[in-house]
N, C-alpha and C. Protein backbone atom coordinates (compact mmCIF):
# COMPACT_ATOMS: atom_id res chain seq x y z
N MET A 1 111.90 121.08 120.21
CA MET A 1 111.81 121.30 118.78
C MET A 1 111.30 122.71 118.55
N THR A 2 111.71 123.30 117.47
CA THR A 2 111.34 124.68 117.14
C THR A 2 109.84 124.73 116.77
N GLU A 3 109.32 125.95 116.81
CA GLU A 3 107.91 126.11 116.43
C GLU A 3 107.70 125.75 114.98
N SER A 4 108.68 126.05 114.12
CA SER A 4 108.54 125.69 112.69
C SER A 4 108.50 124.16 112.53
N GLY A 5 109.25 123.44 113.39
CA GLY A 5 109.19 121.93 113.36
C GLY A 5 107.86 121.44 113.74
N ARG A 6 107.25 122.09 114.77
CA ARG A 6 105.90 121.70 115.18
C ARG A 6 104.90 121.94 114.08
N ALA A 7 105.00 123.09 113.43
CA ALA A 7 104.06 123.42 112.39
C ALA A 7 104.19 122.46 111.21
N TRP A 8 105.44 122.16 110.86
CA TRP A 8 105.70 121.21 109.79
C TRP A 8 105.07 119.85 110.09
N ALA A 9 105.25 119.43 111.31
CA ALA A 9 104.70 118.12 111.70
C ALA A 9 103.19 118.14 111.67
N ARG A 10 102.57 119.24 112.03
CA ARG A 10 101.09 119.35 111.99
C ARG A 10 100.54 119.25 110.59
N TRP A 11 101.32 119.54 109.59
CA TRP A 11 100.84 119.48 108.18
C TRP A 11 100.81 118.06 107.68
N ARG A 12 101.29 117.09 108.41
CA ARG A 12 101.35 115.71 107.97
C ARG A 12 100.00 115.20 107.57
N VAL A 13 98.97 115.32 108.39
CA VAL A 13 97.65 114.78 108.08
C VAL A 13 96.97 115.55 106.96
N PRO A 14 96.92 116.87 107.04
CA PRO A 14 96.29 117.62 105.94
C PRO A 14 96.95 117.37 104.58
N ALA A 15 98.25 117.21 104.58
CA ALA A 15 98.96 116.96 103.34
C ALA A 15 98.66 115.58 102.78
N GLY A 16 98.26 114.66 103.66
CA GLY A 16 97.95 113.32 103.20
C GLY A 16 96.75 113.23 102.28
N TYR A 17 95.82 114.16 102.40
CA TYR A 17 94.64 114.11 101.55
C TYR A 17 94.97 114.35 100.07
N PRO A 18 95.67 115.45 99.76
CA PRO A 18 96.00 115.61 98.31
C PRO A 18 96.96 114.50 97.82
N VAL A 19 97.84 113.97 98.68
CA VAL A 19 98.67 112.86 98.34
C VAL A 19 97.83 111.67 97.94
N ALA A 20 96.79 111.37 98.70
CA ALA A 20 95.91 110.25 98.42
C ALA A 20 95.22 110.49 97.09
N VAL A 21 94.80 111.69 96.83
CA VAL A 21 94.09 112.02 95.55
C VAL A 21 95.02 111.78 94.36
N ILE A 22 96.28 112.27 94.50
CA ILE A 22 97.29 112.05 93.47
C ILE A 22 97.47 110.58 93.22
N CYS A 23 97.63 109.83 94.31
CA CYS A 23 97.88 108.41 94.22
C CYS A 23 96.70 107.69 93.51
N LEU A 24 95.48 108.04 93.90
CA LEU A 24 94.31 107.43 93.29
C LEU A 24 94.23 107.80 91.78
N TRP A 25 94.62 108.97 91.45
CA TRP A 25 94.59 109.40 90.06
C TRP A 25 95.54 108.54 89.19
N PHE A 26 96.70 108.20 89.75
CA PHE A 26 97.69 107.43 88.97
C PHE A 26 97.53 105.90 89.20
N ALA A 27 96.61 105.51 89.96
CA ALA A 27 96.42 104.07 90.27
C ALA A 27 96.00 103.27 89.09
N LYS A 28 96.60 102.09 88.93
CA LYS A 28 96.22 101.12 87.90
C LYS A 28 96.04 99.74 88.59
N PRO A 29 95.15 99.66 89.53
CA PRO A 29 95.05 98.40 90.31
C PRO A 29 94.47 97.23 89.49
N THR A 30 94.92 96.05 89.92
CA THR A 30 94.29 94.81 89.44
C THR A 30 93.83 94.09 90.70
N LEU A 31 92.98 93.10 90.50
CA LEU A 31 92.53 92.34 91.68
C LEU A 31 93.72 91.64 92.33
N GLN A 32 94.71 91.23 91.56
CA GLN A 32 95.89 90.60 92.14
C GLN A 32 96.71 91.60 92.91
N SER A 33 96.88 92.85 92.47
CA SER A 33 97.67 93.81 93.21
C SER A 33 96.91 94.18 94.48
N VAL A 34 95.60 94.25 94.46
CA VAL A 34 94.82 94.56 95.66
C VAL A 34 94.92 93.44 96.64
N ALA A 35 94.88 92.20 96.18
CA ALA A 35 95.01 91.03 97.05
C ALA A 35 96.38 91.02 97.76
N ALA A 36 97.43 91.28 96.96
CA ALA A 36 98.79 91.34 97.57
C ALA A 36 98.89 92.48 98.55
N ALA A 37 98.27 93.59 98.22
CA ALA A 37 98.29 94.75 99.11
C ALA A 37 97.53 94.44 100.39
N ALA A 38 96.47 93.69 100.31
CA ALA A 38 95.69 93.34 101.52
C ALA A 38 96.53 92.59 102.52
N ALA A 39 97.37 91.70 102.05
CA ALA A 39 98.30 90.95 102.93
C ALA A 39 99.28 91.86 103.61
N ILE A 40 99.84 92.82 102.86
CA ILE A 40 100.79 93.77 103.44
C ILE A 40 100.06 94.67 104.43
N ALA A 41 98.86 95.11 104.05
CA ALA A 41 98.05 95.98 104.91
C ALA A 41 97.70 95.29 106.23
N LEU A 42 97.41 94.01 106.13
CA LEU A 42 97.08 93.28 107.36
C LEU A 42 98.27 93.28 108.33
N ALA A 43 99.46 93.13 107.80
CA ALA A 43 100.69 93.21 108.62
C ALA A 43 100.78 94.57 109.26
N GLY A 44 100.57 95.62 108.48
CA GLY A 44 100.62 96.99 109.01
C GLY A 44 99.60 97.25 110.05
N LEU A 45 98.34 96.70 109.85
CA LEU A 45 97.31 96.88 110.85
C LEU A 45 97.59 96.13 112.11
N VAL A 46 98.20 94.96 112.00
CA VAL A 46 98.56 94.21 113.23
C VAL A 46 99.61 94.95 114.02
N VAL A 47 100.63 95.52 113.33
CA VAL A 47 101.67 96.28 114.03
C VAL A 47 101.04 97.50 114.70
N ARG A 48 100.22 98.24 113.96
CA ARG A 48 99.61 99.39 114.54
C ARG A 48 98.63 99.04 115.67
N GLY A 49 97.87 97.98 115.49
CA GLY A 49 96.96 97.58 116.54
C GLY A 49 97.65 97.16 117.81
N ALA A 50 98.74 96.35 117.68
CA ALA A 50 99.49 95.98 118.85
C ALA A 50 100.07 97.18 119.55
N ALA A 51 100.57 98.14 118.78
CA ALA A 51 101.10 99.36 119.41
C ALA A 51 100.04 100.15 120.12
N ALA A 52 98.89 100.29 119.48
CA ALA A 52 97.79 101.09 120.08
C ALA A 52 97.32 100.45 121.37
N GLY A 53 97.39 99.14 121.50
CA GLY A 53 96.99 98.46 122.69
C GLY A 53 97.97 98.59 123.85
N HIS A 54 99.16 99.12 123.53
CA HIS A 54 100.17 99.36 124.56
C HIS A 54 100.38 100.84 124.88
N LEU A 55 99.85 101.69 124.03
CA LEU A 55 100.15 103.15 124.13
C LEU A 55 99.12 103.84 125.03
N ARG A 56 99.64 104.42 126.09
CA ARG A 56 98.85 105.23 127.01
C ARG A 56 99.36 106.62 126.95
N LYS A 57 98.94 107.36 125.95
CA LYS A 57 99.44 108.67 125.64
C LYS A 57 99.46 109.59 126.87
N SER A 58 100.61 110.18 127.09
CA SER A 58 100.82 111.15 128.16
C SER A 58 100.67 110.57 129.55
N GLN A 59 100.52 109.26 129.70
CA GLN A 59 100.35 108.65 131.02
C GLN A 59 101.58 107.80 131.38
N ALA A 60 102.16 107.13 130.43
CA ALA A 60 103.29 106.22 130.69
C ALA A 60 104.14 106.11 129.44
N LEU A 61 105.42 105.87 129.62
CA LEU A 61 106.30 105.65 128.52
C LEU A 61 106.07 104.23 127.98
N ALA A 62 105.61 104.14 126.75
CA ALA A 62 105.35 102.81 126.15
C ALA A 62 106.68 102.17 125.85
N SER A 63 106.91 100.99 126.44
CA SER A 63 108.16 100.26 126.21
C SER A 63 107.93 98.77 126.09
N THR A 64 106.68 98.32 126.09
CA THR A 64 106.37 96.91 126.01
C THR A 64 105.76 96.59 124.66
N GLY A 65 105.57 95.31 124.40
CA GLY A 65 105.01 94.89 123.15
C GLY A 65 105.86 95.36 121.99
N PRO A 66 105.27 95.92 120.94
CA PRO A 66 106.07 96.36 119.81
C PRO A 66 107.02 97.50 120.17
N TYR A 67 106.69 98.27 121.22
CA TYR A 67 107.57 99.36 121.68
C TYR A 67 108.88 98.84 122.24
N ALA A 68 108.98 97.55 122.54
CA ALA A 68 110.22 96.96 123.00
C ALA A 68 111.13 96.68 121.81
N ARG A 69 110.64 96.73 120.60
CA ARG A 69 111.40 96.41 119.38
C ARG A 69 111.75 97.67 118.56
N THR A 70 110.84 98.62 118.57
CA THR A 70 111.05 99.90 117.85
C THR A 70 110.31 101.03 118.64
N ARG A 71 110.93 102.21 118.66
CA ARG A 71 110.29 103.32 119.37
C ARG A 71 109.10 103.87 118.56
N ASN A 72 108.96 103.48 117.35
CA ASN A 72 107.88 104.04 116.52
C ASN A 72 107.10 102.95 115.79
N PRO A 73 106.43 102.03 116.50
CA PRO A 73 105.72 100.96 115.81
C PRO A 73 104.50 101.47 115.07
N LEU A 74 103.87 102.54 115.55
CA LEU A 74 102.74 103.10 114.79
C LEU A 74 103.18 103.60 113.42
N TYR A 75 104.33 104.26 113.35
CA TYR A 75 104.84 104.74 112.08
C TYR A 75 105.36 103.63 111.23
N LEU A 76 105.90 102.59 111.85
CA LEU A 76 106.34 101.39 111.08
C LEU A 76 105.11 100.74 110.45
N GLY A 77 104.04 100.62 111.22
CA GLY A 77 102.77 100.07 110.67
C GLY A 77 102.22 100.93 109.57
N SER A 78 102.31 102.25 109.75
CA SER A 78 101.85 103.18 108.70
C SER A 78 102.69 103.07 107.46
N SER A 79 103.95 102.83 107.59
CA SER A 79 104.79 102.64 106.39
C SER A 79 104.40 101.36 105.67
N LEU A 80 104.02 100.36 106.39
CA LEU A 80 103.52 99.14 105.76
C LEU A 80 102.18 99.39 105.02
N LEU A 81 101.34 100.19 105.63
CA LEU A 81 100.10 100.57 104.97
C LEU A 81 100.35 101.37 103.72
N ALA A 82 101.29 102.27 103.74
CA ALA A 82 101.63 103.02 102.53
C ALA A 82 102.23 102.08 101.44
N LEU A 83 103.06 101.19 101.88
CA LEU A 83 103.59 100.23 100.91
C LEU A 83 102.46 99.40 100.30
N ALA A 84 101.49 98.97 101.09
CA ALA A 84 100.35 98.23 100.62
C ALA A 84 99.56 99.05 99.59
N PHE A 85 99.33 100.33 99.89
CA PHE A 85 98.63 101.22 98.98
C PHE A 85 99.38 101.30 97.64
N ALA A 86 100.68 101.46 97.75
CA ALA A 86 101.49 101.58 96.50
C ALA A 86 101.44 100.29 95.68
N VAL A 87 101.52 99.14 96.36
CA VAL A 87 101.41 97.86 95.67
C VAL A 87 100.04 97.75 94.99
N ALA A 88 99.01 98.12 95.68
CA ALA A 88 97.64 98.02 95.13
C ALA A 88 97.50 98.92 93.90
N CYS A 89 98.11 100.09 93.97
CA CYS A 89 97.97 101.07 92.88
C CYS A 89 98.77 100.70 91.66
N ARG A 90 99.86 99.93 91.81
CA ARG A 90 100.70 99.50 90.69
C ARG A 90 101.17 100.70 89.82
N SER A 91 101.76 101.68 90.45
CA SER A 91 102.25 102.82 89.73
C SER A 91 103.53 103.33 90.38
N TRP A 92 104.56 103.54 89.54
CA TRP A 92 105.82 104.04 90.07
C TRP A 92 105.64 105.46 90.63
N VAL A 93 104.67 106.23 90.01
CA VAL A 93 104.40 107.58 90.50
C VAL A 93 103.92 107.51 91.95
N VAL A 94 103.08 106.56 92.25
CA VAL A 94 102.55 106.41 93.60
C VAL A 94 103.67 106.03 94.55
N PHE A 95 104.56 105.12 94.19
CA PHE A 95 105.73 104.82 95.01
C PHE A 95 106.54 106.04 95.34
N VAL A 96 106.81 106.85 94.35
CA VAL A 96 107.64 108.04 94.53
C VAL A 96 106.90 109.07 95.42
N VAL A 97 105.63 109.31 95.12
CA VAL A 97 104.86 110.30 95.89
C VAL A 97 104.76 109.85 97.38
N LEU A 98 104.45 108.61 97.62
CA LEU A 98 104.33 108.14 98.98
C LEU A 98 105.70 108.15 99.70
N GLY A 99 106.72 107.75 98.94
CA GLY A 99 108.09 107.81 99.55
C GLY A 99 108.46 109.22 99.92
N ALA A 100 108.18 110.18 99.04
CA ALA A 100 108.51 111.57 99.31
C ALA A 100 107.69 112.11 100.50
N TYR A 101 106.44 111.71 100.57
CA TYR A 101 105.58 112.14 101.67
C TYR A 101 106.15 111.60 103.01
N PHE A 102 106.49 110.33 103.03
CA PHE A 102 106.99 109.78 104.31
C PHE A 102 108.35 110.38 104.67
N LEU A 103 109.24 110.57 103.70
CA LEU A 103 110.56 111.15 104.02
C LEU A 103 110.46 112.61 104.40
N THR A 104 109.42 113.29 103.92
CA THR A 104 109.24 114.68 104.26
C THR A 104 108.71 114.91 105.66
N PHE A 105 107.74 114.10 106.04
CA PHE A 105 107.04 114.36 107.26
C PHE A 105 107.50 113.48 108.47
N TYR A 106 107.68 112.19 108.26
CA TYR A 106 107.87 111.30 109.40
C TYR A 106 109.13 111.52 110.20
N PRO A 107 110.29 111.82 109.56
CA PRO A 107 111.49 112.16 110.38
C PRO A 107 111.24 113.36 111.31
N VAL A 108 110.55 114.37 110.78
CA VAL A 108 110.27 115.56 111.59
C VAL A 108 109.33 115.19 112.75
N VAL A 109 108.33 114.40 112.46
CA VAL A 109 107.37 113.98 113.48
C VAL A 109 108.08 113.13 114.57
N MET A 110 108.89 112.24 114.12
CA MET A 110 109.59 111.36 115.12
C MET A 110 110.55 112.20 115.97
N ARG A 111 111.26 113.16 115.41
CA ARG A 111 112.15 114.01 116.22
C ARG A 111 111.35 114.83 117.21
N ARG A 112 110.20 115.36 116.76
CA ARG A 112 109.36 116.17 117.66
C ARG A 112 108.88 115.33 118.83
N GLU A 113 108.39 114.13 118.55
CA GLU A 113 107.91 113.27 119.58
C GLU A 113 109.04 112.82 120.54
N GLU A 114 110.20 112.55 119.98
CA GLU A 114 111.37 112.19 120.81
C GLU A 114 111.66 113.33 121.79
N SER A 115 111.64 114.54 121.28
CA SER A 115 111.90 115.70 122.15
C SER A 115 110.89 115.81 123.29
N GLU A 116 109.60 115.59 122.95
CA GLU A 116 108.54 115.65 123.99
C GLU A 116 108.71 114.53 124.98
N LEU A 117 109.03 113.32 124.53
CA LEU A 117 109.18 112.23 125.43
C LEU A 117 110.40 112.40 126.33
N ARG A 118 111.48 112.96 125.77
CA ARG A 118 112.69 113.23 126.56
C ARG A 118 112.39 114.24 127.67
N ALA A 119 111.61 115.26 127.31
CA ALA A 119 111.25 116.29 128.30
C ALA A 119 110.31 115.68 129.37
N GLN A 120 109.43 114.82 129.00
CA GLN A 120 108.43 114.25 129.95
C GLN A 120 109.03 113.18 130.83
N TYR A 121 109.85 112.28 130.23
CA TYR A 121 110.36 111.09 130.98
C TYR A 121 111.80 111.09 131.33
N GLY A 122 112.54 112.08 130.83
CA GLY A 122 113.96 112.26 131.21
C GLY A 122 114.80 111.04 131.07
N PRO A 123 115.51 110.64 132.17
CA PRO A 123 116.44 109.50 132.14
C PRO A 123 115.78 108.20 131.73
N ALA A 124 114.52 107.99 132.06
CA ALA A 124 113.85 106.75 131.70
C ALA A 124 113.78 106.66 130.14
N PHE A 125 113.49 107.80 129.50
CA PHE A 125 113.43 107.77 128.04
C PHE A 125 114.85 107.59 127.48
N GLU A 126 115.82 108.25 128.03
CA GLU A 126 117.19 108.14 127.51
C GLU A 126 117.65 106.64 127.54
N GLU A 127 117.36 105.96 128.66
CA GLU A 127 117.73 104.55 128.77
C GLU A 127 116.95 103.72 127.72
N TYR A 128 115.67 103.98 127.56
CA TYR A 128 114.87 103.29 126.58
C TYR A 128 115.42 103.56 125.16
N ALA A 129 115.71 104.81 124.85
CA ALA A 129 116.19 105.16 123.53
C ALA A 129 117.53 104.50 123.20
N ARG A 130 118.40 104.28 124.23
CA ARG A 130 119.66 103.61 123.99
C ARG A 130 119.51 102.14 123.64
N SER A 131 118.41 101.50 124.11
CA SER A 131 118.27 100.08 123.90
C SER A 131 117.28 99.72 122.79
N VAL A 132 116.50 100.67 122.31
CA VAL A 132 115.47 100.35 121.31
C VAL A 132 115.68 101.23 120.10
N PRO A 133 115.75 100.67 118.90
CA PRO A 133 115.98 101.49 117.69
C PRO A 133 114.81 102.44 117.40
N LEU A 134 115.14 103.53 116.70
CA LEU A 134 114.13 104.56 116.40
C LEU A 134 113.03 104.05 115.50
N PHE A 135 113.36 103.32 114.40
CA PHE A 135 112.34 102.93 113.45
C PHE A 135 112.38 101.47 113.09
N TRP A 136 113.52 101.02 112.54
CA TRP A 136 113.65 99.62 112.08
C TRP A 136 113.68 98.75 113.33
N PRO A 137 112.78 97.79 113.43
CA PRO A 137 112.68 97.02 114.68
C PRO A 137 113.85 96.05 114.88
N LYS A 138 114.15 95.87 116.15
CA LYS A 138 115.08 94.85 116.59
C LYS A 138 114.28 93.54 116.66
N LEU A 139 114.43 92.68 115.68
CA LEU A 139 113.56 91.51 115.58
C LEU A 139 113.88 90.44 116.60
N TRP A 140 115.15 90.32 117.01
CA TRP A 140 115.54 89.26 117.92
C TRP A 140 115.94 89.82 119.26
N LYS A 141 115.00 90.40 119.96
CA LYS A 141 115.22 90.92 121.29
C LYS A 141 114.63 89.95 122.30
N SER A 142 115.50 89.35 123.15
CA SER A 142 115.03 88.31 124.04
C SER A 142 114.03 88.73 125.07
N ASP A 143 114.08 89.98 125.50
CA ASP A 143 113.19 90.43 126.56
C ASP A 143 112.02 91.29 126.06
N ALA A 144 111.75 91.21 124.75
CA ALA A 144 110.74 92.06 124.15
C ALA A 144 109.33 91.82 124.64
N GLY A 145 109.05 90.60 125.07
CA GLY A 145 107.72 90.31 125.58
C GLY A 145 107.56 90.61 127.07
N ALA A 146 108.61 90.93 127.74
CA ALA A 146 108.59 91.16 129.21
C ALA A 146 107.68 92.36 129.47
N GLY A 147 106.75 92.12 130.40
CA GLY A 147 105.88 93.22 130.81
C GLY A 147 104.80 93.59 129.80
N ALA A 148 104.71 92.77 128.76
CA ALA A 148 103.70 93.06 127.73
C ALA A 148 102.29 93.16 128.32
N ASP A 149 101.61 94.23 128.10
CA ASP A 149 100.28 94.43 128.68
C ASP A 149 99.34 95.03 127.69
N PHE A 150 99.13 94.28 126.59
CA PHE A 150 98.19 94.72 125.56
C PHE A 150 96.78 94.87 126.17
N SER A 151 96.14 95.93 125.82
CA SER A 151 94.75 96.18 126.30
C SER A 151 93.85 96.52 125.12
N PHE A 152 92.87 95.64 124.90
CA PHE A 152 91.89 95.92 123.83
C PHE A 152 91.15 97.16 124.13
N ALA A 153 90.87 97.44 125.40
CA ALA A 153 90.19 98.73 125.78
C ALA A 153 91.06 99.93 125.34
N GLN A 154 92.39 99.79 125.56
CA GLN A 154 93.30 100.87 125.14
C GLN A 154 93.31 101.03 123.63
N TYR A 155 93.28 99.90 122.94
CA TYR A 155 93.20 99.94 121.47
C TYR A 155 91.98 100.74 121.01
N ARG A 156 90.84 100.47 121.65
CA ARG A 156 89.62 101.18 121.31
C ARG A 156 89.76 102.68 121.68
N ARG A 157 90.28 102.96 122.88
CA ARG A 157 90.47 104.37 123.29
C ARG A 157 91.32 105.14 122.32
N ASN A 158 92.32 104.47 121.78
CA ASN A 158 93.19 105.12 120.79
C ASN A 158 92.59 105.13 119.41
N ARG A 159 91.41 104.57 119.28
CA ARG A 159 90.58 104.59 118.03
C ARG A 159 91.38 103.97 116.85
N GLU A 160 92.18 102.98 117.12
CA GLU A 160 92.96 102.39 116.05
C GLU A 160 92.08 101.62 115.05
N TYR A 161 90.91 101.25 115.47
CA TYR A 161 89.96 100.56 114.53
C TYR A 161 89.68 101.47 113.32
N GLU A 162 89.83 102.77 113.45
CA GLU A 162 89.57 103.66 112.36
C GLU A 162 90.59 103.41 111.21
N ALA A 163 91.79 103.04 111.54
CA ALA A 163 92.74 102.69 110.48
C ALA A 163 92.28 101.50 109.71
N ALA A 164 91.78 100.47 110.44
CA ALA A 164 91.28 99.25 109.78
C ALA A 164 90.12 99.60 108.84
N ILE A 165 89.21 100.42 109.27
CA ILE A 165 88.09 100.84 108.47
C ILE A 165 88.54 101.57 107.23
N GLY A 166 89.50 102.47 107.42
CA GLY A 166 90.03 103.25 106.29
C GLY A 166 90.72 102.37 105.27
N VAL A 167 91.49 101.41 105.75
CA VAL A 167 92.16 100.51 104.81
C VAL A 167 91.18 99.66 104.08
N ALA A 168 90.17 99.17 104.77
CA ALA A 168 89.13 98.35 104.13
C ALA A 168 88.44 99.14 103.00
N VAL A 169 88.05 100.38 103.32
CA VAL A 169 87.38 101.21 102.33
C VAL A 169 88.31 101.46 101.14
N LEU A 170 89.55 101.79 101.42
CA LEU A 170 90.52 102.12 100.30
C LEU A 170 90.75 100.90 99.45
N LEU A 171 90.93 99.76 100.03
CA LEU A 171 91.13 98.53 99.23
C LEU A 171 89.89 98.16 98.46
N ALA A 172 88.72 98.40 99.02
CA ALA A 172 87.50 98.11 98.32
C ALA A 172 87.35 99.04 97.10
N MET A 173 87.70 100.31 97.28
CA MET A 173 87.66 101.28 96.17
C MET A 173 88.61 100.85 95.08
N LEU A 174 89.82 100.44 95.45
CA LEU A 174 90.80 100.02 94.43
C LEU A 174 90.36 98.75 93.72
N ALA A 175 89.75 97.83 94.49
CA ALA A 175 89.22 96.55 93.89
C ALA A 175 88.14 96.88 92.90
N ALA A 176 87.23 97.83 93.32
CA ALA A 176 86.14 98.20 92.41
C ALA A 176 86.70 98.87 91.15
N ARG A 177 87.72 99.69 91.32
CA ARG A 177 88.32 100.29 90.15
C ARG A 177 88.99 99.30 89.26
N ALA A 178 89.60 98.26 89.83
CA ALA A 178 90.23 97.21 89.05
C ALA A 178 89.20 96.46 88.22
N VAL A 179 88.06 96.16 88.83
CA VAL A 179 86.99 95.48 88.12
C VAL A 179 86.40 96.38 87.03
N TRP A 180 86.19 97.68 87.36
CA TRP A 180 85.60 98.61 86.43
C TRP A 180 86.50 98.84 85.25
N ARG A 181 87.81 98.82 85.42
CA ARG A 181 88.78 99.06 84.33
C ARG A 181 88.86 97.92 83.34
N LYS A 182 88.38 96.71 83.69
CA LYS A 182 88.50 95.57 82.78
C LYS A 182 87.71 95.70 81.55
């Protein structure tokens, strides 16, 4: 990937902060929208958590657990979290802003990571990429559980619990705002 592609991908996290502020500004949450969002967020956290428990960054090509169904389960989980946030906020502006953010950054990030994995793992990655979709999961894959080796210690090393804390704080803020607006 080009240097400009790497720079663009690095802006993903810093750009997320003003996006969050914009979304919070336009939020019109209700307790019902926050409850619905919590269910969606739980699904996103489960996907991300399962992925984090299989991911050994720079040590091995992750291809078990959720990585047997999609090459990007962390980003799939993140998209569910963004959807949850949009549902909680109850604003079409939030849906548009979050959609634009994801479409701007995540394809670039996924291409960059694919390039790095291809360079690191060569033919093993090529074979994996041929059998596992980039983003939308293959739900009915018969051998998806083969070799599954989820590790709670790996989940902690990848600090995925921070996502759960962030989601809990954000949903609590939106619930408080829903109560305060009444």
